[in-house]
C-alpha atoms as a PDB file:
ATOM      1  CA  UNK A   1       6.997  40.594  10.439  1.00  0.00           C
ATOM      2  CA  UNK A   2       6.936  39.567  14.078  1.00  0.00           C
ATOM      3  CA  UNK A   3       3.684  40.160  15.938  1.00  0.00           C
ATOM      4  CA  UNK A   4       5.340  40.536  19.325  1.00  0.00           C
ATOM      5  CA  UNK A   5       6.847  43.932  18.607  1.00  0.00           C
ATOM      6  CA  UNK A   6       6.188  46.402  21.386  1.00  0.00           C
ATOM      7  CA  UNK A   7       3.578  48.933  20.305  1.00  0.00           C
ATOM      8  CA  UNK A   8       4.981  52.425  20.656  1.00  0.00           C
ATOM      9  CA  UNK A   9       3.187  55.682  19.822  1.00  0.00           C
ATOM     10  CA  UNK A  10       4.720  57.563  16.927  1.00  0.00           C
ATOM     11  CA  UNK A  11       4.891  61.335  17.162  1.00  0.00           C
ATOM     12  CA  UNK A  12       4.757  63.312  13.925  1.00  0.00           C
ATOM     13  CA  UNK A  13       8.126  64.901  13.076  1.00  0.00           C
ATOM     14  CA  UNK A  14       6.614  68.395  13.212  1.00  0.00           C
ATOM     15  CA  UNK A  15       3.661  70.068  14.899  1.00  0.00           C
ATOM     16  CA  UNK A  16       0.570  67.959  15.406  1.00  0.00           C
ATOM     17  CA  UNK A  17      -2.333  69.936  13.932  1.00  0.00           C
ATOM     18  CA  UNK A  18      -5.932  68.812  14.323  1.00  0.00           C
ATOM     19  CA  UNK A  19      -8.880  70.485  12.587  1.00  0.00           C
ATOM     20  CA  UNK A  20     -12.150  69.894  14.462  1.00  0.00           C
ATOM     21  CA  UNK A  21     -15.375  70.377  12.555  1.00  0.00           C
ATOM     22  CA  UNK A  22     -18.804  68.802  12.196  1.00  0.00           C
ATOM     23  CA  UNK A  23     -22.440  69.453  12.946  1.00  0.00           C
ATOM     24  CA  UNK A  24     -23.517  72.255  15.257  1.00  0.00           C
ATOM     25  CA  UNK A  25     -24.606  70.643  18.515  1.00  0.00           C
ATOM     26  CA  UNK A  26     -22.468  67.544  17.972  1.00  0.00           C
ATOM     27  CA  UNK A  27     -19.888  68.542  20.593  1.00  0.00           C
ATOM     28  CA  UNK A  28     -17.112  70.599  19.016  1.00  0.00           C
ATOM     29  CA  UNK A  29     -16.680  72.733  22.131  1.00  0.00           C
ATOM     30  CA  UNK A  30     -16.616  69.681  24.414  1.00  0.00           C
ATOM     31  CA  UNK A  31     -13.954  68.075  22.241  1.00  0.00           C
ATOM     32  CA  UNK A  32     -11.904  71.283  22.253  1.00  0.00           C
ATOM     33  CA  UNK A  33     -12.039  71.538  26.043  1.00  0.00           C
ATOM     34  CA  UNK A  34     -10.974  67.896  26.417  1.00  0.00           C
ATOM     35  CA  UNK A  35      -7.935  68.513  24.211  1.00  0.00           C
ATOM     36  CA  UNK A  36      -7.122  71.722  26.058  1.00  0.00           C
ATOM     37  CA  UNK A  37      -7.140  69.779  29.334  1.00  0.00           C
ATOM     38  CA  UNK A  38      -4.453  67.502  27.840  1.00  0.00           C
ATOM     39  CA  UNK A  39      -2.048  70.200  26.779  1.00  0.00           C
ATOM     40  CA  UNK A  40      -3.304  71.135  23.326  1.00  0.00           C
ATOM     41  CA  UNK A  41      -3.312  74.771  22.224  1.00  0.00           C
ATOM     42  CA  UNK A  42      -6.881  75.303  20.992  1.00  0.00           C
ATOM     43  CA  UNK A  43      -8.099  78.027  18.622  1.00  0.00           C
ATOM     44  CA  UNK A  44     -11.882  78.232  18.232  1.00  0.00           C
ATOM     45  CA  UNK A  45     -13.780  79.637  15.247  1.00  0.00           C
ATOM     46  CA  UNK A  46     -10.754  81.021  13.447  1.00  0.00           C
ATOM     47  CA  UNK A  47     -11.588  82.698  10.090  1.00  0.00           C
ATOM     48  CA  UNK A  48     -10.066  80.669   7.235  1.00  0.00           C
ATOM     49  CA  UNK A  49      -8.240  83.776   5.999  1.00  0.00           C
ATOM     50  CA  UNK A  50      -6.045  83.583   9.105  1.00  0.00           C
ATOM     51  CA  UNK A  51      -5.030  79.988   8.380  1.00  0.00           C
ATOM     52  CA  UNK A  52      -2.299  81.310   6.098  1.00  0.00           C
ATOM     53  CA  UNK A  53      -0.743  83.273   8.943  1.00  0.00           C
ATOM     54  CA  UNK A  54      -1.156  80.286  11.235  1.00  0.00           C
ATOM     55  CA  UNK A  55       0.437  77.968   8.680  1.00  0.00           C
ATOM     56  CA  UNK A  56       3.451  80.224   8.466  1.00  0.00           C
ATOM     57  CA  UNK A  57       3.803  80.356  12.269  1.00  0.00           C
ATOM     58  CA  UNK A  58       3.511  76.592  12.659  1.00  0.00           C
ATOM     59  CA  UNK A  59       5.867  75.833   9.767  1.00  0.00           C
ATOM     60  CA  UNK A  60       8.531  78.218  11.080  1.00  0.00           C
ATOM     61  CA  UNK A  61       8.237  77.409  14.798  1.00  0.00           C
ATOM     62  CA  UNK A  62       6.813  73.919  15.331  1.00  0.00           C
ATOM     63  CA  UNK A  63       8.232  73.864  18.853  1.00  0.00           C
ATOM     64  CA  UNK A  64       5.933  76.778  19.772  1.00  0.00           C
ATOM     65  CA  UNK A  65       2.830  74.836  18.636  1.00  0.00           C
ATOM     66  CA  UNK A  66       3.620  71.163  19.251  1.00  0.00           C
ATOM     67  CA  UNK A  67      -0.074  70.271  19.520  1.00  0.00           C
ATOM     68  CA  UNK A  68      -2.531  72.658  17.899  1.00  0.00           C
ATOM     69  CA  UNK A  69      -6.297  72.134  17.510  1.00  0.00           C
ATOM     70  CA  UNK A  70      -8.393  74.436  15.337  1.00  0.00           C
ATOM     71  CA  UNK A  71     -12.174  74.376  15.794  1.00  0.00           C
ATOM     72  CA  UNK A  72     -13.974  75.249  12.554  1.00  0.00           C
ATOM     73  CA  UNK A  73     -17.615  76.344  12.419  1.00  0.00           C
ATOM     74  CA  UNK A  74     -18.788  75.917   8.807  1.00  0.00           C
ATOM     75  CA  UNK A  75     -22.060  77.738   8.153  1.00  0.00           C
ATOM     76  CA  UNK A  76     -21.996  78.653   4.461  1.00  0.00           C
ATOM     77  CA  UNK A  77     -20.729  77.301   1.163  1.00  0.00           C
ATOM     78  CA  UNK A  78     -18.584  80.430   0.827  1.00  0.00           C
ATOM     79  CA  UNK A  79     -16.966  79.600   4.154  1.00  0.00           C
ATOM     80  CA  UNK A  80     -16.450  76.000   2.999  1.00  0.00           C
ATOM     81  CA  UNK A  81     -14.624  77.222  -0.118  1.00  0.00           C
ATOM     82  CA  UNK A  82     -12.419  79.456   2.024  1.00  0.00           C
ATOM     83  CA  UNK A  83     -11.714  76.564   4.379  1.00  0.00           C
ATOM     84  CA  UNK A  84     -10.621  74.313   1.516  1.00  0.00           C
ATOM     85  CA  UNK A  85      -8.221  77.018   0.324  1.00  0.00           C
ATOM     86  CA  UNK A  86      -6.875  77.473   3.847  1.00  0.00           C
ATOM     87  CA  UNK A  87      -6.261  73.735   4.304  1.00  0.00           C
ATOM     88  CA  UNK A  88      -4.509  73.647   0.943  1.00  0.00           C
ATOM     89  CA  UNK A  89      -2.302  76.481   2.205  1.00  0.00           C
ATOM     90  CA  UNK A  90      -1.413  74.402   5.273  1.00  0.00           C
ATOM     91  CA  UNK A  91      -0.340  71.578   2.973  1.00  0.00           C
ATOM     92  CA  UNK A  92       1.683  73.883   0.734  1.00  0.00           C
ATOM     93  CA  UNK A  93       3.523  75.159   3.815  1.00  0.00           C
ATOM     94  CA  UNK A  94       4.456  71.578   4.677  1.00  0.00           C
ATOM     95  CA  UNK A  95       2.185  71.440   7.730  1.00  0.00           C
ATOM     96  CA  UNK A  96       0.617  68.011   8.243  1.00  0.00           C
ATOM     97  CA  UNK A  97      -2.871  68.092   9.719  1.00  0.00           C
ATOM     98  CA  UNK A  98      -5.687  65.716  10.523  1.00  0.00           C
ATOM     99  CA  UNK A  99      -9.416  66.316  10.671  1.00  0.00           C
ATOM    100  CA  UNK A 100     -11.937  65.213  13.301  1.00  0.00           C
ATOM    101  CA  UNK A 101     -15.605  65.373  12.244  1.00  0.00           C
ATOM    102  CA  UNK A 102     -18.290  65.231  14.936  1.00  0.00           C
ATOM    103  CA  UNK A 103     -21.659  63.828  13.884  1.00  0.00           C
ATOM    104  CA  UNK A 104     -25.010  63.202  15.587  1.00  0.00           C
ATOM    105  CA  UNK A 105     -28.452  62.014  14.533  1.00  0.00           C
ATOM    106  CA  UNK A 106     -31.081  64.633  13.674  1.00  0.00           C
ATOM    107  CA  UNK A 107     -33.355  63.785  16.611  1.00  0.00           C
ATOM    108  CA  UNK A 108     -30.420  64.053  19.024  1.00  0.00           C
ATOM    109  CA  UNK A 109     -29.405  67.447  17.643  1.00  0.00           C
ATOM    110  CA  UNK A 110     -32.996  68.663  17.944  1.00  0.00           C
ATOM    111  CA  UNK A 111     -33.127  67.621  21.612  1.00  0.00           C
ATOM    112  CA  UNK A 112     -29.809  69.326  22.337  1.00  0.00           C
ATOM    113  CA  UNK A 113     -30.857  72.614  20.733  1.00  0.00           C
ATOM    114  CA  UNK A 114     -34.227  72.521  22.474  1.00  0.00           C
ATOM    115  CA  UNK A 115     -32.598  71.750  25.814  1.00  0.00           C
ATOM    116  CA  UNK A 116     -30.308  74.742  25.332  1.00  0.00           C
ATOM    117  CA  UNK A 117     -33.246  76.911  24.190  1.00  0.00           C
ATOM    118  CA  UNK A 118     -31.331  78.248  21.247  1.00  0.00           C
ATOM    119  CA  UNK A 119     -31.949  78.201  17.492  1.00  0.00           C
ATOM    120  CA  UNK A 120     -29.769  76.462  14.958  1.00  0.00           C
ATOM    121  CA  UNK A 121     -27.360  78.952  13.308  1.00  0.00           C
ATOM    122  CA  UNK A 122     -28.842  78.177   9.859  1.00  0.00           C
ATOM    123  CA  UNK A 123     -32.462  77.943  10.976  1.00  0.00           C
ATOM    124  CA  UNK A 124     -33.548  81.512  10.231  1.00  0.00           C
ATOM    125  CA  UNK A 125     -37.359  81.674  10.205  1.00  0.00           C
ATOM    126  CA  UNK A 126     -37.675  78.003   9.261  1.00  0.00           C
ATOM    127  CA  UNK A 127     -37.901  74.893  11.422  1.00  0.00           C
ATOM    128  CA  UNK A 128     -34.997  73.626  13.509  1.00  0.00           C
ATOM    129  CA  UNK A 129     -34.773  70.504  11.326  1.00  0.00           C
ATOM    130  CA  UNK A 130     -34.483  72.701   8.224  1.00  0.00           C
ATOM    131  CA  UNK A 131     -31.394  74.365   9.672  1.00  0.00           C
ATOM    132  CA  UNK A 132     -29.879  70.986  10.563  1.00  0.00           C
ATOM    133  CA  UNK A 133     -30.470  69.637   7.068  1.00  0.00           C
ATOM    134  CA  UNK A 134     -28.987  72.760   5.467  1.00  0.00           C
ATOM    135  CA  UNK A 135     -25.841  72.409   7.536  1.00  0.00           C
ATOM    136  CA  UNK A 136     -25.638  68.668   6.857  1.00  0.00           C
ATOM    137  CA  UNK A 137     -25.552  69.353   3.114  1.00  0.00           C
ATOM    138  CA  UNK A 138     -22.825  71.976   3.508  1.00  0.00           C
ATOM    139  CA  UNK A 139     -20.509  69.827   5.646  1.00  0.00           C
ATOM    140  CA  UNK A 140     -21.015  66.522   3.795  1.00  0.00           C
ATOM    141  CA  UNK A 141     -17.786  67.039   1.851  1.00  0.00           C
ATOM    142  CA  UNK A 142     -15.819  67.633   5.054  1.00  0.00           C
ATOM    143  CA  UNK A 143     -17.254  64.477   6.596  1.00  0.00           C
ATOM    144  CA  UNK A 144     -16.270  62.430   3.557  1.00  0.00           C
ATOM    145  CA  UNK A 145     -12.676  63.680   3.711  1.00  0.00           C
ATOM    146  CA  UNK A 146     -12.256  63.501   7.510  1.00  0.00           C
ATOM    147  CA  UNK A 147      -9.575  61.291   9.049  1.00  0.00           C
ATOM    148  CA  UNK A 148     -11.937  60.246  11.827  1.00  0.00           C
ATOM    149  CA  UNK A 149     -15.692  60.628  12.284  1.00  0.00           C
ATOM    150  CA  UNK A 150     -17.180  60.343  15.773  1.00  0.00           C
ATOM    151  CA  UNK A 151     -20.934  59.899  16.178  1.00  0.00           C
ATOM    152  CA  UNK A 152     -21.819  61.567  19.480  1.00  0.00           C
ATOM    153  CA  UNK A 153     -25.501  60.576  19.469  1.00  0.00           C
ATOM    154  CA  UNK A 154     -25.097  58.158  22.381  1.00  0.00           C
ATOM    155  CA  UNK A 155     -22.413  60.175  24.217  1.00  0.00           C
ATOM    156  CA  UNK A 156     -22.833  62.732  26.967  1.00  0.00           C
ATOM    157  CA  UNK A 157     -20.189  65.412  27.525  1.00  0.00           C
ATOM    158  CA  UNK A 158     -18.121  63.085  29.716  1.00  0.00           C
ATOM    159  CA  UNK A 159     -18.307  60.229  27.227  1.00  0.00           C
ATOM    160  CA  UNK A 160     -17.249  62.477  24.360  1.00  0.00           C
ATOM    161  CA  UNK A 161     -14.353  63.895  26.378  1.00  0.00           C
ATOM    162  CA  UNK A 162     -13.187  60.346  27.110  1.00  0.00           C
ATOM    163  CA  UNK A 163     -13.506  59.350  23.441  1.00  0.00           C
ATOM    164  CA  UNK A 164     -11.465  62.345  22.263  1.00  0.00           C
ATOM    165  CA  UNK A 165      -8.839  61.761  24.944  1.00  0.00           C
ATOM    166  CA  UNK A 166      -8.445  58.124  23.854  1.00  0.00           C
ATOM    167  CA  UNK A 167      -8.141  59.116  20.184  1.00  0.00           C
ATOM    168  CA  UNK A 168      -5.618  61.887  20.783  1.00  0.00           C
ATOM    169  CA  UNK A 169      -3.684  60.801  23.847  1.00  0.00           C
ATOM    170  CA  UNK A 170      -0.790  62.758  25.287  1.00  0.00           C
ATOM    171  CA  UNK A 171       1.723  60.457  23.630  1.00  0.00           C
ATOM    172  CA  UNK A 172       0.384  61.288  20.196  1.00  0.00           C
ATOM    173  CA  UNK A 173      -1.492  59.061  17.777  1.00  0.00           C
ATOM    174  CA  UNK A 174      -0.200  55.585  17.079  1.00  0.00           C
ATOM    175  CA  UNK A 175       0.266  54.433  13.509  1.00  0.00           C
ATOM    176  CA  UNK A 176      -3.294  53.075  13.359  1.00  0.00           C
ATOM    177  CA  UNK A 177      -6.041  53.384  15.971  1.00  0.00           C
ATOM    178  CA  UNK A 178      -8.976  51.069  15.252  1.00  0.00           C
ATOM    179  CA  UNK A 179     -12.429  51.314  16.830  1.00  0.00           C
ATOM    180  CA  UNK A 180     -14.266  47.963  16.732  1.00  0.00           C
ATOM    181  CA  UNK A 181     -17.973  48.610  17.315  1.00  0.00           C
ATOM    182  CA  UNK A 182     -20.781  46.094  17.689  1.00  0.00           C
ATOM    183  CA  UNK A 183     -24.285  47.234  16.733  1.00  0.00           C
ATOM    184  CA  UNK A 184     -27.802  46.053  15.923  1.00  0.00           C
ATOM    185  CA  UNK A 185     -29.066  46.428  12.375  1.00  0.00           C
ATOM    186  CA  UNK A 186     -32.558  47.170  13.693  1.00  0.00           C
ATOM    187  CA  UNK A 187     -31.152  50.360  15.253  1.00  0.00           C
ATOM    188  CA  UNK A 188     -29.446  51.497  12.045  1.00  0.00           C
ATOM    189  CA  UNK A 189     -25.913  51.438  10.658  1.00  0.00           C
ATOM    190  CA  UNK A 190     -23.254  53.415  12.583  1.00  0.00           C
ATOM    191  CA  UNK A 191     -22.693  56.746  10.839  1.00  0.00           C
ATOM    192  CA  UNK A 192     -18.928  56.596  11.359  1.00  0.00           C
ATOM    193  CA  UNK A 193     -18.295  53.044  10.089  1.00  0.00           C
ATOM    194  CA  UNK A 194     -15.461  52.531   7.582  1.00  0.00           C
ATOM    195  CA  UNK A 195     -16.171  48.781   7.355  1.00  0.00           C
ATOM    196  CA  UNK A 196     -19.320  46.786   8.153  1.00  0.00           C
ATOM    197  CA  UNK A 197     -19.381  43.048   8.879  1.00  0.00           C
ATOM    198  CA  UNK A 198     -22.720  41.194   9.069  1.00  0.00           C
ATOM    199  CA  UNK A 199     -22.914  38.403  11.676  1.00  0.00           C
ATOM    200  CA  UNK A 200     -26.493  37.380  10.933  1.00  0.00           C
ATOM    201  CA  UNK A 201     -25.195  34.225   9.224  1.00  0.00           C
ATOM    202  CA  UNK A 202     -24.514  32.811  12.723  1.00  0.00           C
ATOM    203  CA  UNK A 203     -27.323  30.990  14.619  1.00  0.00           C
ATOM    204  CA  UNK A 204     -28.917  33.467  17.010  1.00  0.00           C
ATOM    205  CA  UNK A 205     -28.423  32.793  20.760  1.00  0.00           C
ATOM    206  CA  UNK A 206     -31.686  34.692  21.286  1.00  0.00           C
ATOM    207  CA  UNK A 207     -33.499  31.466  20.428  1.00  0.00           C
ATOM    208  CA  UNK A 208     -31.579  29.472  23.031  1.00  0.00           C
ATOM    209  CA  UNK A 209     -33.508  30.034  26.297  1.00  0.00           C
ATOM    210  CA  UNK A 210     -30.480  29.629  28.561  1.00  0.00           C
ATOM    211  CA  UNK A 211     -28.456  32.147  26.515  1.00  0.00           C
ATOM    212  CA  UNK A 212     -31.137  34.747  25.732  1.00  0.00           C
ATOM    213  CA  UNK A 213     -30.701  36.874  28.902  1.00  0.00           C
ATOM    214  CA  UNK A 214     -26.906  36.974  28.566  1.00  0.00           C
ATOM    215  CA  UNK A 215     -24.690  39.057  26.246  1.00  0.00           C
ATOM    216  CA  UNK A 216     -21.789  38.396  23.918  1.00  0.00           C
ATOM    217  CA  UNK A 217     -19.226  39.543  26.469  1.00  0.00           C
ATOM    218  CA  UNK A 218     -20.182  36.592  28.696  1.00  0.00           C
ATOM    219  CA  UNK A 219     -18.325  33.322  28.210  1.00  0.00           C
ATOM    220  CA  UNK A 220     -21.326  31.070  27.612  1.00  0.00           C
ATOM    221  CA  UNK A 221     -22.588  33.235  24.746  1.00  0.00           C
ATOM    222  CA  UNK A 222     -19.139  33.919  23.286  1.00  0.00           C
ATOM    223  CA  UNK A 223     -18.283  30.195  23.319  1.00  0.00           C
ATOM    224  CA  UNK A 224     -21.568  29.371  21.579  1.00  0.00           C
ATOM    225  CA  UNK A 225     -21.126  32.041  18.891  1.00  0.00           C
ATOM    226  CA  UNK A 226     -17.441  31.443  18.156  1.00  0.00           C
ATOM    227  CA  UNK A 227     -17.847  27.669  17.952  1.00  0.00           C
ATOM    228  CA  UNK A 228     -20.474  27.828  15.197  1.00  0.00           C
ATOM    229  CA  UNK A 229     -19.490  26.478  11.738  1.00  0.00           C
ATOM    230  CA  UNK A 230     -17.819  29.064   9.543  1.00  0.00           C
ATOM    231  CA  UNK A 231     -17.098  31.641  12.263  1.00  0.00           C
ATOM    232  CA  UNK A 232     -13.387  30.908  12.689  1.00  0.00           C
ATOM    233  CA  UNK A 233     -12.956  30.719   8.912  1.00  0.00           C
ATOM    234  CA  UNK A 234     -14.681  34.090   8.579  1.00  0.00           C
ATOM    235  CA  UNK A 235     -12.477  35.708  11.218  1.00  0.00           C
ATOM    236  CA  UNK A 236      -9.293  34.371   9.639  1.00  0.00           C
ATOM    237  CA  UNK A 237     -10.258  35.421   6.108  1.00  0.00           C
ATOM    238  CA  UNK A 238     -11.621  38.811   7.178  1.00  0.00           C
ATOM    239  CA  UNK A 239      -8.455  39.750   9.042  1.00  0.00           C
ATOM    240  CA  UNK A 240      -6.325  38.584   6.117  1.00  0.00           C
ATOM    241  CA  UNK A 241      -8.347  40.921   3.882  1.00  0.00           C
ATOM    242  CA  UNK A 242      -7.938  43.812   6.319  1.00  0.00           C
ATOM    243  CA  UNK A 243      -4.145  43.522   6.672  1.00  0.00           C
ATOM    244  CA  UNK A 244      -3.362  45.191   3.297  1.00  0.00           C
ATOM    245  CA  UNK A 245      -5.972  47.844   4.091  1.00  0.00           C
ATOM    246  CA  UNK A 246      -4.197  48.668   7.346  1.00  0.00           C
ATOM    247  CA  UNK A 247      -0.903  48.935   5.503  1.00  0.00           C
ATOM    248  CA  UNK A 248      -2.509  51.237   2.935  1.00  0.00           C
ATOM    249  CA  UNK A 249      -3.876  53.426   5.702  1.00  0.00           C
ATOM    250  CA  UNK A 250      -0.386  53.788   7.109  1.00  0.00           C
ATOM    251  CA  UNK A 251       1.028  54.730   3.707  1.00  0.00           C
ATOM    252  CA  UNK A 252      -1.717  57.307   3.201  1.00  0.00           C
ATOM    253  CA  UNK A 253      -1.241  58.735   6.715  1.00  0.00           C
ATOM    254  CA  UNK A 254      -4.759  57.706   7.775  1.00  0.00           C
ATOM    255  CA  UNK A 255      -4.609  57.000  11.492  1.00  0.00           C
ATOM    256  CA  UNK A 256      -8.168  56.173  12.517  1.00  0.00           C
ATOM    257  CA  UNK A 257     -10.858  53.734  11.352  1.00  0.00           C
ATOM    258  CA  UNK A 258     -14.080  52.207  12.649  1.00  0.00           C
ATOM    259  CA  UNK A 259     -14.921  48.549  12.009  1.00  0.00           C
ATOM    260  CA  UNK A 260     -18.617  47.925  12.699  1.00  0.00           C
ATOM    261  CA  UNK A 261     -19.822  44.391  13.433  1.00  0.00           C
ATOM    262  CA  UNK A 262     -23.580  43.927  13.273  1.00  0.00           C
ATOM    263  CA  UNK A 263     -26.266  41.416  14.130  1.00  0.00           C
ATOM    264  CA  UNK A 264     -30.012  41.859  14.582  1.00  0.00           C
ATOM    265  CA  UNK A 265     -30.094  43.496  18.020  1.00  0.00           C
ATOM    266  CA  UNK A 266     -26.442  44.092  18.886  1.00  0.00           C
ATOM    267  CA  UNK A 267     -26.550  41.907  22.004  1.00  0.00           C
ATOM    268  CA  UNK A 268     -25.121  38.449  21.257  1.00  0.00           C
ATOM    269  CA  UNK A 269     -23.417  37.620  17.942  1.00  0.00           C
ATOM    270  CA  UNK A 270     -21.970  41.008  17.020  1.00  0.00           C
ATOM    271  CA  UNK A 271     -20.687  41.577  20.553  1.00  0.00           C
ATOM    272  CA  UNK A 272     -18.906  38.217  20.753  1.00  0.00           C
ATOM    273  CA  UNK A 273     -17.358  38.578  17.284  1.00  0.00           C
ATOM    274  CA  UNK A 274     -16.320  42.198  17.917  1.00  0.00           C
ATOM    275  CA  UNK A 275     -14.501  41.139  21.076  1.00  0.00           C
ATOM    276  CA  UNK A 276     -12.717  38.317  19.237  1.00  0.00           C
ATOM    277  CA  UNK A 277     -11.820  40.537  16.264  1.00  0.00           C
ATOM    278  CA  UNK A 278     -10.389  43.141  18.622  1.00  0.00           C
ATOM    279  CA  UNK A 279      -8.365  40.480  20.458  1.00  0.00           C
ATOM    280  CA  UNK A 280      -6.834  39.219  17.211  1.00  0.00           C
ATOM    281  CA  UNK A 281      -6.222  42.657  15.711  1.00  0.00           C
ATOM    282  CA  UNK A 282      -4.469  43.799  18.894  1.00  0.00           C
ATOM    283  CA  UNK A 283      -1.765  41.230  18.123  1.00  0.00           C
ATOM    284  CA  UNK A 284      -0.851  43.103  14.926  1.00  0.00           C
ATOM    285  CA  UNK A 285       2.098  45.498  15.202  1.00  0.00           C
ATOM    286  CA  UNK A 286       1.505  49.249  15.190  1.00  0.00           C
ATOM    287  CA  UNK A 287      -2.230  48.972  15.877  1.00  0.00           C
ATOM    288  CA  UNK A 288      -4.229  49.836  18.979  1.00  0.00           C
ATOM    289  CA  UNK A 289      -7.834  48.742  19.362  1.00  0.00           C
ATOM    290  CA  UNK A 290     -10.780  50.238  21.238  1.00  0.00           C
ATOM    291  CA  UNK A 291     -13.975  48.163  21.596  1.00  0.00           C
ATOM    292  CA  UNK A 292     -17.425  49.731  21.814  1.00  0.00           C
ATOM    293  CA  UNK A 293     -20.807  47.994  22.069  1.00  0.00           C
ATOM    294  CA  UNK A 294     -23.253  50.580  20.792  1.00  0.00           C
ATOM    295  CA  UNK A 295     -26.561  48.795  21.282  1.00  0.00           C
ATOM    296  CA  UNK A 296     -25.904  46.259  24.010  1.00  0.00           C
ATOM    297  CA  UNK A 297     -28.521  46.824  26.708  1.00  0.00           C
ATOM    298  CA  UNK A 298     -31.044  48.630  24.497  1.00  0.00           C
ATOM    299  CA  UNK A 299     -33.473  45.737  24.231  1.00  0.00           C
END
């Protein structure tokens, strides 16, 4: 297959339905507002029992709801069971949908709730962290099944709005949208990673005095990293292994994935390799690539 095919977004043949869920405080409302600003019809906190009626409306009149986002607030296992039944009803009505799960680290959620001076919906008389953990257990199944998971820990409201806009642009999702993220292992694995590649086998530019203050996006560091023995062979073999995965994602109607590339601090090796991986992947047909450097600048 030729790699010079023009990448064109592919609109679903019927209504585009997005279910937004995730942790309380992770940014569901911000995501909904961003979609609304780009022409989506947004329904917030709809009871699952009404999904059946909604499924019937969307199936019968897709032109009336070309782009529909449903924000789901899951706060009990009973609600989760009802939501599963409602999503099954959407499928039985022939309505294709995708799910966006918003995640954030516990300490970030605590700060957000404290800043807003409000309790967690599952907190009751317990600690704030107890409410967060209770909700995390309830929604773990939804996170596992989600089409795309976005960790909002390092995003403010503007950053999250931009991220959502890029994922669900006005032209509709492309066949596969890949997020290539560099990170530092010492700061923890990205919560939303589908694949993790470890670049700590490459000599560390940190120990080269002239390279230490620079980052992997700068030519002198990138040239040093990419010229090391085994790096080009790794890139070639890794992409060859990913190609059948990308094809499988397309067959299974999975449109989003995050490829995390790590080194010790997320400044040199992972950044340079992430940039090169993204450059090579962008040459594949029916793929768009977004690059993010999570930990660059944290040292």
